[in-house]
Protein backbone atom coordinates (compact mmCIF):
# COMPACT_ATOMS: atom_id res chain seq x y z
CA MET A 1 81.84 8.68 -1.49
CA LYS A 2 83.17 12.33 -2.16
CA GLN A 3 79.72 13.53 -2.51
CA ILE A 4 78.31 11.56 0.21
CA ALA A 5 81.12 13.02 2.73
CA THR A 6 80.42 16.51 1.20
CA PHE A 7 76.58 16.23 1.97
CA PHE A 8 77.52 14.47 5.54
CA ILE A 9 79.60 17.60 6.41
CA PHE A 10 76.72 20.21 4.77
CA PHE A 11 74.12 18.41 6.74
CA LEU A 12 76.21 18.42 9.94
CA LEU A 13 76.84 22.02 9.35
CA VAL A 14 73.09 23.35 9.04
CA SER A 15 71.83 20.78 11.36
CA CYS A 16 73.70 22.42 14.14
CA GLN A 17 71.28 24.61 14.80
CA TYR A 18 68.70 22.51 15.95
CA PHE A 19 70.89 21.74 18.65
CA GLU A 20 71.23 25.62 20.14
CA ALA A 21 69.39 26.56 22.83
CA LYS A 22 66.09 28.84 22.40
CA LYS A 23 66.33 31.28 25.11
CA THR A 24 63.19 32.52 26.90
CA SER A 25 62.99 36.44 27.35
CA LYS A 26 61.84 37.83 30.93
CA ASP A 27 59.19 39.26 29.06
CA ALA A 28 57.69 36.30 27.91
CA ILE A 29 57.89 34.08 30.93
CA LEU A 30 56.07 37.12 32.84
CA LYS A 31 53.55 37.32 30.39
CA LYS A 32 53.19 33.37 30.50
CA GLU A 33 52.73 33.54 34.24
CA LEU A 34 50.42 36.55 34.51
CA LYS A 35 48.17 34.33 31.82
CA ALA A 36 48.17 31.46 34.33
CA PHE A 37 47.63 33.35 37.26
CA ASN A 38 44.32 33.46 38.87
CA TRP A 39 43.83 36.85 40.21
CA ASN A 40 40.63 36.47 41.90
CA GLU A 41 41.82 33.80 44.62
CA VAL A 42 44.57 34.14 47.53
CA ASP A 43 46.14 31.98 49.37
CA THR A 44 45.27 33.01 52.90
CA TYR A 45 42.43 35.52 53.21
CA PRO A 46 42.69 38.38 55.61
CA SER A 47 42.08 37.35 58.79
CA PHE A 48 41.70 38.80 62.79
CA PRO A 49 44.16 37.04 65.18
CA VAL A 50 40.81 35.05 66.64
CA CYS A 51 40.85 33.45 63.23
CA ASP A 52 44.52 32.00 63.24
CA SER A 53 44.08 28.75 65.18
CA LEU A 54 41.81 27.86 61.66
CA ASP A 55 43.16 25.48 59.57
CA THR A 56 41.07 25.51 55.98
CA LEU A 57 40.77 28.81 53.78
CA THR A 58 37.27 28.56 53.83
CA ASN A 59 36.72 28.30 57.82
CA LYS A 60 39.35 31.62 58.04
CA LYS A 61 36.94 33.55 55.20
CA GLN A 62 34.17 32.94 57.36
CA CYS A 63 35.46 34.05 60.50
CA PHE A 64 36.67 37.07 59.21
CA GLU A 65 33.60 37.90 57.88
CA THR A 66 31.93 37.24 60.79
CA THR A 67 34.10 38.75 63.39
CA LEU A 68 33.57 42.03 60.89
CA ALA A 69 29.86 41.73 60.87
CA ASN A 70 29.61 40.85 64.97
CA HIS A 71 31.94 44.33 65.27
CA ILE A 72 29.62 46.19 63.42
CA SER A 73 26.52 45.01 64.70
CA ILE A 74 27.83 45.33 68.12
CA GLN A 75 28.85 48.50 67.83
CA LEU A 76 24.94 49.62 66.05
CA ALA A 77 23.44 48.03 69.25
CA LYS A 78 24.71 50.39 71.95
CA GLU A 79 23.51 53.82 69.37
CA THR A 80 20.12 54.58 69.99
CA PHE A 81 18.08 55.55 67.14
CA VAL A 82 15.36 57.50 66.95
CA VAL A 83 13.14 57.03 63.85
CA THR A 84 9.56 58.15 62.21
CA GLN A 85 9.40 55.43 60.19
CA ASP A 86 9.90 51.58 60.41
CA ILE A 87 13.46 50.88 58.65
CA ASN A 88 14.04 47.58 57.12
CA ASP A 89 17.23 48.06 55.11
CA THR A 90 20.13 46.43 53.81
CA ILE A 91 23.28 48.49 53.46
CA ILE A 92 26.59 46.88 51.28
CA LEU A 93 29.79 48.24 52.75
CA GLU A 94 32.47 47.53 49.82
CA PHE A 95 35.97 47.78 51.70
CA LEU A 96 39.23 47.53 50.39
CA ILE A 97 41.91 45.67 52.89
CA SER A 98 45.54 46.58 52.32
CA GLU A 99 48.50 44.94 52.19
CA LYS A 100 49.71 46.07 55.49
CA GLY A 101 46.04 45.70 56.91
CA GLN A 102 44.48 49.01 57.10
CA LEU A 103 41.02 48.70 56.12
CA GLN A 104 39.30 51.75 53.89
CA ILE A 105 35.54 52.14 53.09
CA GLN A 106 35.49 52.37 49.26
CA GLN A 107 31.56 52.39 48.86
CA PHE A 108 28.48 52.73 50.88
CA THR A 109 24.86 51.89 49.71
CA ALA A 110 21.95 52.36 51.78
CA ASP A 111 18.63 53.02 50.30
CA SER A 112 16.98 57.13 50.43
CA LEU A 113 14.62 56.80 53.42
CA THR A 114 17.57 55.28 55.98
CA ILE A 115 19.57 58.35 55.17
CA ALA A 116 16.75 60.42 55.90
CA GLU A 117 16.16 58.60 59.02
CA LEU A 118 19.40 57.80 60.32
CA PRO A 119 22.10 60.51 58.10
CA ASN A 120 24.95 59.87 60.86
CA ILE A 121 24.34 55.92 59.87
CA GLN A 122 27.58 56.22 57.65
CA GLN A 123 29.16 57.71 60.55
CA ILE A 124 28.63 55.46 63.18
CA ILE A 125 29.49 52.43 60.81
CA GLU A 126 32.57 54.02 60.10
CA SER A 127 33.57 55.09 63.67
CA SER A 128 33.11 51.44 64.11
CA LEU A 129 35.88 50.50 62.11
CA ASP A 130 38.33 52.58 63.47
CA SER A 131 38.10 49.95 66.71
CA LEU A 132 38.52 47.04 65.40
CA PRO A 133 41.57 44.47 66.23
CA PRO A 134 44.43 44.51 64.41
CA ILE A 135 43.97 43.20 60.54
CA TYR A 136 46.29 40.59 58.98
CA ALA A 137 46.27 41.03 55.41
CA ALA A 138 45.51 38.66 52.74
CA ILE A 139 48.60 36.65 51.47
CA LYS A 140 49.17 35.40 47.39
CA ARG A 141 52.45 33.38 46.51
CA GLY A 142 53.98 34.08 49.51
CA GLN A 143 53.62 38.25 49.55
CA GLN A 144 50.55 40.82 50.93
CA VAL A 145 48.12 41.56 49.01
CA LYS A 146 45.17 44.38 48.65
CA THR A 147 41.91 42.41 48.81
CA GLN A 148 38.38 44.01 48.76
CA PHE A 149 35.11 42.39 49.46
CA LYS A 150 31.74 43.54 50.14
CA LEU A 151 29.46 43.01 53.36
CA PRO A 152 26.16 43.54 53.59
CA ILE A 153 24.77 44.95 56.86
CA ILE A 154 20.77 44.33 57.71
CA LEU A 155 19.23 47.36 59.39
CA GLN A 156 16.23 47.11 60.92
CA VAL A 157 14.80 49.95 63.05
CA ASN A 158 11.19 49.72 64.79
């Protein structure tokens, strides 16, 4: 009986480690969250005041892109272009919207013929972006975040 009691006490002392709560460090929790975090999606896309009434994420994104493209188109339509050759090009405008809603052009890609015929096309597009209505930044998990977009601009000049 003494051996059983000794074994039982030994077993209790050794098994106490199984009841201890394991602590997880902040770094381990952060690493786990960062792995599960989808960096390519936002909860709310950047938007303009006219897009606030829309309810779905897809509709807000489409409204933002359409409003931006229409604004640039209206500004380009105000310009008079004189060219020696017909231009049918797609300009790719890559831009970044900061956490504060500021639009910054990252890259402007156009065909060499377009640049040769319209050397100031980039400045015209950049100046049209200066007169945009206020932009509300994208939101991810309650925080305003940077977002990057590519906008194709179809340019046809005869």
